[in-house]
N, C-alpha and C. Protein backbone atom coordinates (compact mmCIF):
# COMPACT_ATOMS: atom_id res chain seq x y z
N MET A 1 192.67 136.40 -41.57
CA MET A 1 191.70 136.62 -42.79
C MET A 1 190.75 137.54 -42.42
N ASP A 2 190.49 138.43 -43.17
CA ASP A 2 189.89 139.76 -43.36
C ASP A 2 188.50 139.25 -43.14
N ASN A 3 187.66 139.61 -42.07
CA ASN A 3 186.21 139.15 -42.04
C ASN A 3 185.46 140.49 -41.45
N ARG A 4 185.49 141.28 -42.43
CA ARG A 4 184.66 142.58 -42.34
C ARG A 4 183.36 142.50 -42.47
N TRP A 5 182.94 141.68 -42.71
CA TRP A 5 181.34 141.05 -42.95
C TRP A 5 180.77 140.73 -41.72
N GLY A 6 181.40 140.05 -40.69
CA GLY A 6 180.85 139.71 -39.41
C GLY A 6 180.13 138.29 -39.60
N VAL A 7 180.63 137.56 -40.54
CA VAL A 7 179.91 136.27 -40.94
C VAL A 7 180.75 135.19 -40.27
N PRO A 8 180.01 133.75 -40.22
CA PRO A 8 181.11 132.68 -39.65
C PRO A 8 182.07 132.71 -40.60
N PRO A 9 183.11 132.13 -39.81
CA PRO A 9 184.51 132.17 -40.46
C PRO A 9 184.41 130.97 -41.85
N GLU A 10 183.63 130.03 -41.79
CA GLU A 10 183.51 128.98 -42.66
C GLU A 10 182.96 129.84 -43.92
N GLU A 11 182.05 131.02 -43.95
CA GLU A 11 181.24 131.48 -44.85
C GLU A 11 182.52 132.50 -45.33
N ALA A 12 183.05 133.10 -44.66
CA ALA A 12 184.25 134.07 -45.00
C ALA A 12 185.15 133.35 -45.74
N THR A 13 185.66 132.29 -45.51
CA THR A 13 186.43 131.36 -46.29
C THR A 13 186.13 131.55 -47.93
N ALA A 14 184.82 130.74 -47.76
CA ALA A 14 183.96 130.76 -49.27
C ALA A 14 184.11 132.10 -50.06
N ILE A 15 183.66 133.20 -49.24
CA ILE A 15 184.00 134.68 -50.03
C ILE A 15 185.14 134.66 -50.41
N MET A 16 186.25 134.55 -49.46
CA MET A 16 187.67 135.05 -49.66
C MET A 16 188.10 134.01 -51.08
N ASP A 17 187.69 132.88 -51.11
CA ASP A 17 188.25 131.93 -52.25
C ASP A 17 187.54 132.51 -53.61
N LEU A 18 186.09 133.02 -53.36
CA LEU A 18 185.64 133.61 -54.79
C LEU A 18 186.50 134.84 -54.78
N ASP A 19 187.01 135.55 -53.69
CA ASP A 19 187.24 136.80 -54.04
C ASP A 19 188.65 136.57 -55.01
N HIS A 20 189.45 135.61 -55.08
CA HIS A 20 190.60 135.55 -55.73
C HIS A 20 190.15 135.28 -57.23
N ILE A 21 188.81 134.93 -57.49
CA ILE A 21 188.47 134.70 -58.78
C ILE A 21 187.72 136.04 -59.50
N ILE A 22 187.12 136.82 -58.59
CA ILE A 22 186.32 137.72 -58.80
C ILE A 22 186.74 139.08 -58.23
N TYR A 23 187.14 140.01 -58.93
CA TYR A 23 187.51 141.55 -58.42
C TYR A 23 186.32 142.52 -58.82
N ASN A 24 186.18 143.40 -58.02
CA ASN A 24 185.39 144.85 -58.47
C ASN A 24 186.44 145.70 -58.34
N GLU A 25 186.14 147.06 -58.43
CA GLU A 25 187.04 148.27 -58.48
C GLU A 25 187.88 148.43 -56.95
N ASN A 26 187.31 147.60 -56.07
CA ASN A 26 188.27 147.72 -54.93
C ASN A 26 189.18 146.73 -54.55
N GLY A 27 188.90 145.61 -55.35
CA GLY A 27 189.63 144.34 -55.79
C GLY A 27 189.07 143.42 -54.32
N VAL A 28 187.74 143.48 -54.13
CA VAL A 28 187.03 142.35 -53.21
C VAL A 28 185.64 142.25 -53.52
N LEU A 29 185.03 141.33 -53.45
CA LEU A 29 183.86 141.10 -53.49
C LEU A 29 182.99 142.06 -52.41
N SER A 30 181.90 142.65 -53.28
CA SER A 30 181.27 143.49 -52.08
C SER A 30 179.83 143.20 -51.84
N GLU A 31 179.56 143.55 -50.34
CA GLU A 31 177.93 143.50 -50.22
C GLU A 31 177.00 144.05 -51.10
N ILE A 32 175.71 143.50 -51.37
CA ILE A 32 174.81 144.35 -52.39
C ILE A 32 173.49 144.04 -51.65
N GLY A 33 172.43 145.01 -51.98
CA GLY A 33 171.35 144.83 -51.13
C GLY A 33 170.58 144.02 -52.07
N ALA A 34 170.69 143.61 -53.17
CA ALA A 34 169.64 142.28 -53.55
C ALA A 34 170.63 142.06 -55.08
N ILE A 35 170.44 140.72 -55.21
CA ILE A 35 171.15 139.87 -56.40
C ILE A 35 170.25 140.12 -57.26
N ASP A 36 170.81 140.69 -58.52
CA ASP A 36 170.02 141.32 -59.66
C ASP A 36 170.99 140.85 -61.01
N TYR A 37 170.69 140.76 -62.19
CA TYR A 37 171.39 140.53 -63.30
C TYR A 37 172.38 141.35 -63.52
N ASN A 38 172.38 142.66 -62.80
CA ASN A 38 173.26 143.65 -63.43
C ASN A 38 174.80 144.01 -62.38
N SER A 39 174.59 142.90 -61.43
CA SER A 39 175.60 143.14 -60.36
C SER A 39 176.27 141.83 -59.74
N TYR A 40 177.22 142.30 -58.80
CA TYR A 40 177.81 140.96 -58.17
C TYR A 40 178.20 141.34 -56.83
N GLY A 41 178.12 140.07 -56.20
CA GLY A 41 178.28 140.48 -54.54
C GLY A 41 177.50 139.46 -53.83
N PHE A 42 177.29 139.98 -52.55
CA PHE A 42 176.45 138.85 -51.92
C PHE A 42 175.53 139.72 -51.09
N LYS A 43 174.54 138.83 -50.46
CA LYS A 43 173.38 139.50 -49.77
C LYS A 43 173.50 138.77 -48.16
N LEU A 44 173.57 139.53 -47.39
CA LEU A 44 173.66 139.24 -45.79
C LEU A 44 172.19 139.34 -45.15
N GLU A 45 172.04 138.41 -44.26
CA GLU A 45 171.01 138.51 -43.28
C GLU A 45 171.25 137.73 -42.07
N GLU A 46 171.14 138.40 -41.13
CA GLU A 46 171.45 138.09 -39.81
C GLU A 46 172.93 137.30 -39.56
N ASN A 47 173.82 138.10 -40.12
CA ASN A 47 175.18 137.74 -40.43
C ASN A 47 175.55 136.55 -41.02
N SER A 48 174.53 136.31 -41.88
CA SER A 48 174.96 134.85 -42.94
C SER A 48 174.96 135.15 -44.19
N ILE A 49 175.48 134.88 -45.16
CA ILE A 49 175.23 135.15 -46.58
C ILE A 49 174.05 134.39 -47.14
N ILE A 50 172.80 134.99 -47.64
CA ILE A 50 171.75 134.24 -48.12
C ILE A 50 171.89 134.38 -49.76
N GLY A 51 172.57 135.36 -50.22
CA GLY A 51 172.53 135.53 -51.80
C GLY A 51 173.65 135.78 -52.10
N LEU A 52 174.33 135.05 -53.25
CA LEU A 52 175.59 135.08 -53.78
C LEU A 52 175.41 135.50 -55.59
N GLY A 53 175.74 136.28 -55.92
CA GLY A 53 175.63 136.61 -57.42
C GLY A 53 177.27 136.96 -58.18
N ALA A 54 177.30 136.24 -59.20
CA ALA A 54 178.29 137.22 -60.03
C ALA A 54 178.11 136.78 -61.67
N PHE A 55 177.65 138.03 -62.04
CA PHE A 55 177.15 138.17 -63.52
C PHE A 55 178.04 138.52 -64.53
N GLN A 56 178.41 137.83 -65.39
CA GLN A 56 179.65 138.25 -66.53
C GLN A 56 180.91 138.62 -65.71
N CYS A 57 181.64 137.92 -64.92
CA CYS A 57 182.65 137.98 -64.14
C CYS A 57 183.86 137.38 -64.68
N LYS A 58 183.58 136.23 -65.49
CA LYS A 58 184.54 135.68 -66.21
C LYS A 58 185.21 134.71 -65.02
N ILE A 59 184.37 134.09 -64.51
CA ILE A 59 185.05 133.21 -63.81
C ILE A 59 185.16 131.85 -64.70
N TYR A 60 186.25 131.48 -64.78
CA TYR A 60 186.84 130.35 -65.42
C TYR A 60 187.00 128.85 -64.76
N GLY A 61 186.45 128.03 -65.41
CA GLY A 61 186.91 126.90 -64.71
C GLY A 61 186.05 126.12 -63.53
N LYS A 62 186.59 125.98 -62.20
CA LYS A 62 185.52 125.36 -61.23
C LYS A 62 185.44 126.29 -60.34
N ILE A 63 184.01 126.10 -59.86
CA ILE A 63 183.77 126.96 -58.34
C ILE A 63 184.27 126.45 -57.59
N PRO A 64 184.84 127.13 -56.52
CA PRO A 64 185.73 126.52 -55.16
C PRO A 64 185.03 125.47 -54.48
N ASP A 65 185.46 124.65 -53.86
CA ASP A 65 184.92 123.72 -53.17
C ASP A 65 184.15 124.54 -51.94
N SER A 66 184.67 125.26 -51.64
CA SER A 66 184.40 125.96 -50.21
C SER A 66 183.01 126.56 -50.63
N ILE A 67 182.27 126.74 -51.62
CA ILE A 67 181.15 127.31 -51.75
C ILE A 67 180.09 126.33 -50.99
N GLY A 68 180.43 125.02 -50.61
CA GLY A 68 179.37 124.30 -49.85
C GLY A 68 179.35 124.95 -48.40
N ASN A 69 180.42 125.98 -48.11
CA ASN A 69 180.47 126.24 -46.65
C ASN A 69 179.22 127.37 -46.50
N LEU A 70 178.50 127.91 -47.62
CA LEU A 70 177.63 128.90 -47.31
C LEU A 70 176.23 128.02 -47.17
N ARG A 71 176.18 127.55 -45.92
CA ARG A 71 174.88 126.50 -45.61
C ARG A 71 173.82 127.33 -45.57
N ARG A 72 173.70 128.52 -45.50
CA ARG A 72 172.51 129.34 -45.41
C ARG A 72 171.99 130.00 -46.89
N LEU A 73 173.02 129.70 -47.49
CA LEU A 73 172.61 130.33 -49.16
C LEU A 73 171.25 130.01 -49.46
N GLU A 74 170.38 131.00 -49.79
CA GLU A 74 169.28 130.56 -50.89
C GLU A 74 169.11 130.67 -52.07
N GLN A 75 169.98 131.65 -52.57
CA GLN A 75 170.05 132.18 -54.04
C GLN A 75 171.41 132.26 -54.52
N LEU A 76 171.89 131.40 -55.40
CA LEU A 76 173.05 131.56 -56.26
C LEU A 76 173.05 131.89 -57.72
N GLN A 77 173.52 132.86 -58.19
CA GLN A 77 173.42 133.37 -59.67
C GLN A 77 174.83 133.56 -59.99
N LEU A 78 175.33 132.62 -60.70
CA LEU A 78 176.60 132.64 -61.37
C LEU A 78 176.41 132.39 -63.09
N GLU A 79 175.32 133.39 -63.58
CA GLU A 79 175.40 133.51 -64.78
C GLU A 79 176.06 134.10 -65.88
N ASP A 80 176.33 133.48 -67.16
CA ASP A 80 177.17 134.22 -67.78
C ASP A 80 178.55 134.41 -67.66
N ASN A 81 179.18 133.33 -67.22
CA ASN A 81 180.69 133.16 -67.17
C ASN A 81 181.24 132.14 -67.90
N ARG A 82 182.58 131.58 -67.38
CA ARG A 82 182.98 130.40 -68.33
C ARG A 82 183.03 129.23 -67.27
N ILE A 83 182.38 128.98 -66.25
CA ILE A 83 182.28 127.67 -65.41
C ILE A 83 182.07 126.55 -66.20
N GLN A 84 183.37 125.78 -65.66
CA GLN A 84 183.00 124.01 -66.67
C GLN A 84 182.87 123.24 -65.57
N SER A 85 182.85 123.65 -64.19
CA SER A 85 182.32 122.31 -63.59
C SER A 85 181.93 122.98 -62.00
N ILE A 86 181.41 122.15 -61.46
CA ILE A 86 180.66 122.60 -59.71
C ILE A 86 180.99 121.39 -59.18
N PRO A 87 181.44 122.01 -57.99
CA PRO A 87 182.01 120.47 -56.90
C PRO A 87 180.94 119.84 -56.22
N ASP A 88 181.08 118.78 -55.81
CA ASP A 88 180.23 118.06 -54.96
C ASP A 88 179.47 118.74 -53.92
N SER A 89 180.53 119.66 -53.45
CA SER A 89 179.78 120.57 -51.95
C SER A 89 178.95 121.07 -52.32
N ILE A 90 178.45 121.56 -53.58
CA ILE A 90 177.07 121.97 -53.78
C ILE A 90 175.98 121.46 -53.18
N GLY A 91 175.96 120.38 -52.73
CA GLY A 91 174.95 119.36 -52.33
C GLY A 91 174.80 119.84 -50.51
N ASN A 92 175.80 120.79 -50.33
CA ASN A 92 175.68 121.29 -48.84
C ASN A 92 174.66 122.22 -48.70
N LEU A 93 174.42 122.83 -50.10
CA LEU A 93 173.45 123.91 -49.68
C LEU A 93 172.12 123.85 -49.51
N LYS A 94 171.60 123.07 -48.57
CA LYS A 94 170.38 122.59 -48.22
C LYS A 94 169.47 123.43 -48.23
N ARG A 95 169.70 125.03 -48.20
CA ARG A 95 168.60 125.97 -48.01
C ARG A 95 168.19 126.50 -49.46
N LEU A 96 169.27 126.30 -50.41
CA LEU A 96 169.35 126.86 -51.79
C LEU A 96 167.84 126.65 -52.31
N GLN A 97 167.30 127.78 -53.07
CA GLN A 97 165.89 127.73 -53.64
C GLN A 97 165.83 128.06 -55.11
N HIS A 98 167.15 128.89 -55.39
CA HIS A 98 167.49 129.25 -56.87
C HIS A 98 168.76 129.15 -57.36
N LEU A 99 168.95 128.42 -57.92
CA LEU A 99 170.36 128.41 -58.76
C LEU A 99 170.33 128.63 -60.17
N ASN A 100 171.37 129.64 -60.79
CA ASN A 100 171.41 130.33 -62.09
C ASN A 100 172.70 129.80 -62.44
N LEU A 101 172.85 129.01 -63.50
CA LEU A 101 174.06 128.58 -64.00
C LEU A 101 174.20 128.75 -65.53
N ASN A 102 173.13 129.56 -66.09
CA ASN A 102 173.05 129.72 -67.20
C ASN A 102 174.07 130.40 -68.03
N HIS A 103 174.22 130.07 -69.24
CA HIS A 103 175.32 130.63 -69.90
C HIS A 103 176.66 130.39 -69.44
N ASN A 104 177.32 129.10 -69.22
CA ASN A 104 178.52 128.64 -68.72
C ASN A 104 179.02 127.65 -69.78
N GLU A 105 179.93 126.97 -69.34
CA GLU A 105 180.62 125.88 -69.95
C GLU A 105 180.42 124.37 -69.50
N LEU A 106 179.46 124.40 -68.67
CA LEU A 106 179.21 123.06 -68.02
C LEU A 106 178.74 121.77 -68.92
N SER A 107 179.39 120.51 -68.87
CA SER A 107 179.51 119.62 -69.38
C SER A 107 178.81 118.41 -68.17
N SER A 108 178.72 118.60 -67.40
CA SER A 108 178.23 117.81 -66.34
C SER A 108 177.52 118.28 -64.98
N ILE A 109 176.72 117.78 -64.52
CA ILE A 109 176.44 118.56 -62.83
C ILE A 109 176.79 117.00 -61.95
N PRO A 110 176.89 117.45 -60.68
CA PRO A 110 177.35 116.39 -59.93
C PRO A 110 176.07 115.77 -59.27
N GLU A 111 176.24 114.35 -59.08
CA GLU A 111 174.97 113.95 -58.37
C GLU A 111 174.51 114.61 -56.80
N SER A 112 175.33 115.04 -56.28
CA SER A 112 174.99 115.84 -55.19
C SER A 112 174.03 116.82 -55.42
N ILE A 113 173.72 117.29 -56.91
CA ILE A 113 172.55 118.20 -56.97
C ILE A 113 171.37 117.37 -56.50
N GLY A 114 170.97 116.20 -56.39
CA GLY A 114 170.07 115.74 -55.95
C GLY A 114 169.92 116.03 -54.03
N GLU A 115 170.63 116.49 -53.32
CA GLU A 115 170.19 116.87 -52.02
C GLU A 115 169.98 118.14 -51.94
N LEU A 116 169.71 119.05 -52.68
CA LEU A 116 169.15 120.18 -52.79
C LEU A 116 167.60 120.42 -52.55
N GLN A 117 167.22 119.90 -51.42
CA GLN A 117 165.58 119.30 -51.36
C GLN A 117 164.82 120.76 -51.23
N THR A 118 165.51 121.92 -51.34
CA THR A 118 164.56 122.84 -51.39
C THR A 118 164.69 123.85 -52.29
N LEU A 119 165.12 123.50 -53.38
CA LEU A 119 165.39 124.09 -54.70
C LEU A 119 163.94 123.98 -55.55
N LYS A 120 164.02 125.39 -55.75
CA LYS A 120 162.53 125.63 -56.63
C LYS A 120 163.04 125.80 -58.12
N GLU A 121 163.80 126.63 -58.43
CA GLU A 121 164.32 126.98 -59.76
C GLU A 121 165.39 126.81 -60.22
N LEU A 122 165.61 126.08 -61.35
CA LEU A 122 167.21 125.54 -61.63
C LEU A 122 167.18 125.90 -63.11
N ASP A 123 168.40 126.96 -63.43
CA ASP A 123 168.47 127.45 -64.82
C ASP A 123 170.11 126.97 -65.25
N LEU A 124 169.83 125.72 -66.16
CA LEU A 124 171.24 125.32 -66.65
C LEU A 124 171.32 125.70 -68.37
N GLY A 125 170.32 126.69 -68.81
CA GLY A 125 170.45 126.70 -70.02
C GLY A 125 171.78 127.29 -70.63
N TRP A 126 172.02 127.35 -71.73
CA TRP A 126 173.09 127.66 -72.35
C TRP A 126 174.47 127.04 -71.85
N ASN A 127 174.39 126.01 -71.95
CA ASN A 127 175.56 124.96 -71.48
C ASN A 127 176.20 123.69 -72.49
N LYS A 128 176.67 122.89 -71.76
CA LYS A 128 177.27 122.04 -72.88
C LYS A 128 176.96 120.41 -72.24
N LEU A 129 175.53 120.46 -71.52
CA LEU A 129 175.34 119.65 -70.86
C LEU A 129 174.68 118.25 -71.92
N LYS A 130 175.14 116.99 -71.72
CA LYS A 130 174.49 115.89 -72.68
C LYS A 130 173.57 115.18 -71.67
N THR A 131 173.94 115.06 -70.38
CA THR A 131 172.99 114.16 -69.62
C THR A 131 172.72 114.94 -68.40
N LEU A 132 171.60 114.52 -67.38
CA LEU A 132 171.32 114.80 -66.31
C LEU A 132 171.54 113.89 -65.51
N PRO A 133 172.11 114.40 -63.89
CA PRO A 133 172.57 113.19 -62.92
C PRO A 133 170.98 112.46 -62.77
N HIS A 134 171.11 111.26 -62.44
CA HIS A 134 170.08 110.39 -61.77
C HIS A 134 169.29 111.08 -60.71
N SER A 135 170.17 111.60 -59.84
CA SER A 135 169.80 112.32 -58.59
C SER A 135 168.64 113.59 -58.63
N ILE A 136 168.64 114.20 -60.01
CA ILE A 136 167.76 115.05 -60.35
C ILE A 136 166.46 115.00 -60.11
N GLY A 137 165.89 113.70 -60.09
CA GLY A 137 164.64 113.22 -59.44
C GLY A 137 164.47 113.15 -58.10
N GLN A 138 165.53 113.63 -57.29
CA GLN A 138 165.14 113.97 -55.93
C GLN A 138 164.64 115.44 -55.52
N LEU A 139 164.83 116.14 -56.34
CA LEU A 139 164.45 117.79 -56.27
C LEU A 139 162.81 117.84 -56.08
N ARG A 140 162.26 117.40 -55.02
CA ARG A 140 160.89 117.33 -54.80
C ARG A 140 160.08 118.57 -54.67
N LYS A 141 160.99 119.88 -54.71
CA LYS A 141 160.08 121.26 -54.64
C LYS A 141 160.49 122.02 -56.00
N LEU A 142 161.31 121.11 -57.02
CA LEU A 142 161.38 121.97 -58.00
C LEU A 142 160.32 122.28 -58.86
N GLU A 143 160.20 123.71 -59.13
CA GLU A 143 158.92 124.06 -59.94
C GLU A 143 159.25 124.35 -61.16
N LYS A 144 160.73 124.97 -61.56
CA LYS A 144 160.81 125.59 -62.82
C LYS A 144 162.30 125.16 -63.17
N MET A 145 162.50 124.50 -64.31
CA MET A 145 163.88 124.17 -64.50
C MET A 145 164.09 124.58 -66.26
N ASN A 146 165.12 125.25 -66.51
CA ASN A 146 165.45 125.71 -67.88
C ASN A 146 166.69 124.76 -68.26
N LEU A 147 166.59 123.98 -69.53
CA LEU A 147 167.84 123.32 -69.98
C LEU A 147 167.90 123.69 -71.34
N TYR A 148 167.42 124.87 -71.82
CA TYR A 148 167.66 125.52 -72.90
C TYR A 148 169.21 125.48 -73.52
N LYS A 149 169.08 125.17 -75.00
CA LYS A 149 170.39 124.97 -75.72
C LYS A 149 171.34 124.27 -74.67
N ASN A 150 171.41 123.08 -75.07
CA ASN A 150 172.21 122.14 -74.45
C ASN A 150 172.32 121.28 -75.45
N LYS A 151 173.04 119.68 -74.95
CA LYS A 151 172.99 118.65 -75.68
C LYS A 151 172.31 117.57 -75.48
N ILE A 152 171.40 117.76 -74.72
CA ILE A 152 170.58 116.71 -73.96
C ILE A 152 169.49 116.00 -74.74
N LYS A 153 169.88 114.49 -75.08
CA LYS A 153 168.83 113.80 -76.17
C LYS A 153 167.81 113.20 -75.31
N VAL A 154 168.34 112.63 -74.14
CA VAL A 154 167.40 111.97 -73.29
C VAL A 154 167.48 111.99 -71.77
N LEU A 155 166.51 112.43 -70.90
CA LEU A 155 166.17 112.65 -69.55
C LEU A 155 166.12 111.32 -68.87
N PRO A 156 166.90 111.44 -67.62
CA PRO A 156 167.18 110.34 -66.76
C PRO A 156 165.56 109.92 -66.29
N ASP A 157 165.42 108.57 -66.08
CA ASP A 157 164.13 107.82 -65.66
C ASP A 157 163.71 108.62 -64.22
N SER A 158 164.60 109.21 -63.59
CA SER A 158 164.14 109.80 -62.18
C SER A 158 163.41 111.20 -62.57
N PHE A 159 163.57 111.66 -63.64
CA PHE A 159 162.98 112.92 -64.24
C PHE A 159 161.63 112.94 -63.80
N TRP A 160 160.98 111.70 -64.10
CA TRP A 160 159.32 112.11 -63.98
C TRP A 160 159.01 111.73 -62.60
N GLN A 161 159.94 112.11 -61.58
CA GLN A 161 159.66 111.97 -60.10
C GLN A 161 159.56 113.40 -59.85
N LEU A 162 159.80 114.46 -60.91
CA LEU A 162 159.66 115.94 -60.53
C LEU A 162 158.10 116.06 -60.57
N LYS A 163 157.32 115.97 -59.47
CA LYS A 163 155.83 116.05 -59.53
C LYS A 163 155.47 117.52 -59.34
N THR A 164 156.61 118.45 -58.81
CA THR A 164 155.99 119.79 -58.51
C THR A 164 156.54 120.70 -59.67
N LEU A 165 157.13 119.91 -60.61
CA LEU A 165 157.60 120.88 -61.89
C LEU A 165 156.55 121.45 -62.76
N GLU A 166 156.61 122.69 -62.73
CA GLU A 166 155.60 123.45 -63.60
C GLU A 166 155.91 124.17 -64.82
N SER A 167 157.26 124.45 -64.87
CA SER A 167 157.73 124.92 -66.12
C SER A 167 159.26 123.94 -66.51
N LEU A 168 159.15 123.71 -67.86
CA LEU A 168 160.56 123.11 -68.08
C LEU A 168 160.57 123.42 -69.69
N THR A 169 161.86 123.95 -69.65
CA THR A 169 162.33 124.42 -71.15
C THR A 169 163.48 123.45 -71.75
N LEU A 170 163.12 122.51 -72.91
CA LEU A 170 164.01 122.22 -73.25
C LEU A 170 164.74 122.47 -74.79
N SER A 171 164.04 123.54 -75.20
CA SER A 171 164.33 123.92 -76.62
C SER A 171 165.95 123.85 -77.06
N PHE A 172 166.22 123.77 -78.04
CA PHE A 172 167.50 123.61 -79.16
C PHE A 172 168.52 122.90 -77.96
N ASN A 173 167.92 121.64 -77.83
CA ASN A 173 169.05 120.44 -77.42
C ASN A 173 169.28 119.57 -78.76
N PHE A 174 170.38 119.56 -79.33
CA PHE A 174 170.76 118.80 -80.49
C PHE A 174 172.07 118.32 -80.13
């Protein structure tokens, strides 16, 4: 396996799995300086991947299970794709602070999302969500949540345990 980035093997596996889904002009996912809305690639710090972004990359279906190998990941931006599901292994991303899955085709979120104890921002707007998992109430550091343009009619009882939540967008849920 090509590990030209010098990251741990399990992180290289995750990147190579995504590489089968996303290609840039060189045919591989590239390292970038910062994750923003006009790029795709990953951000390294001390030979570990701390940021991963893929904006409008036509990712279809399921994110690979190996995403859970990126244990030092702090920021995951997969906005404006056609992602239909995220794996349970998302719960392994214990350092994740920002998760953006806006503008996808998600109809559910795994219970393992509740294991993301450092998560501060969660953007699930413009999806097909009808419910949120009960474990959402375990996100003790969550400050900002976007649920704009989904199909959510009722929030789980555990939602009221989000004591640090400062911003919530629920508009256009029918």
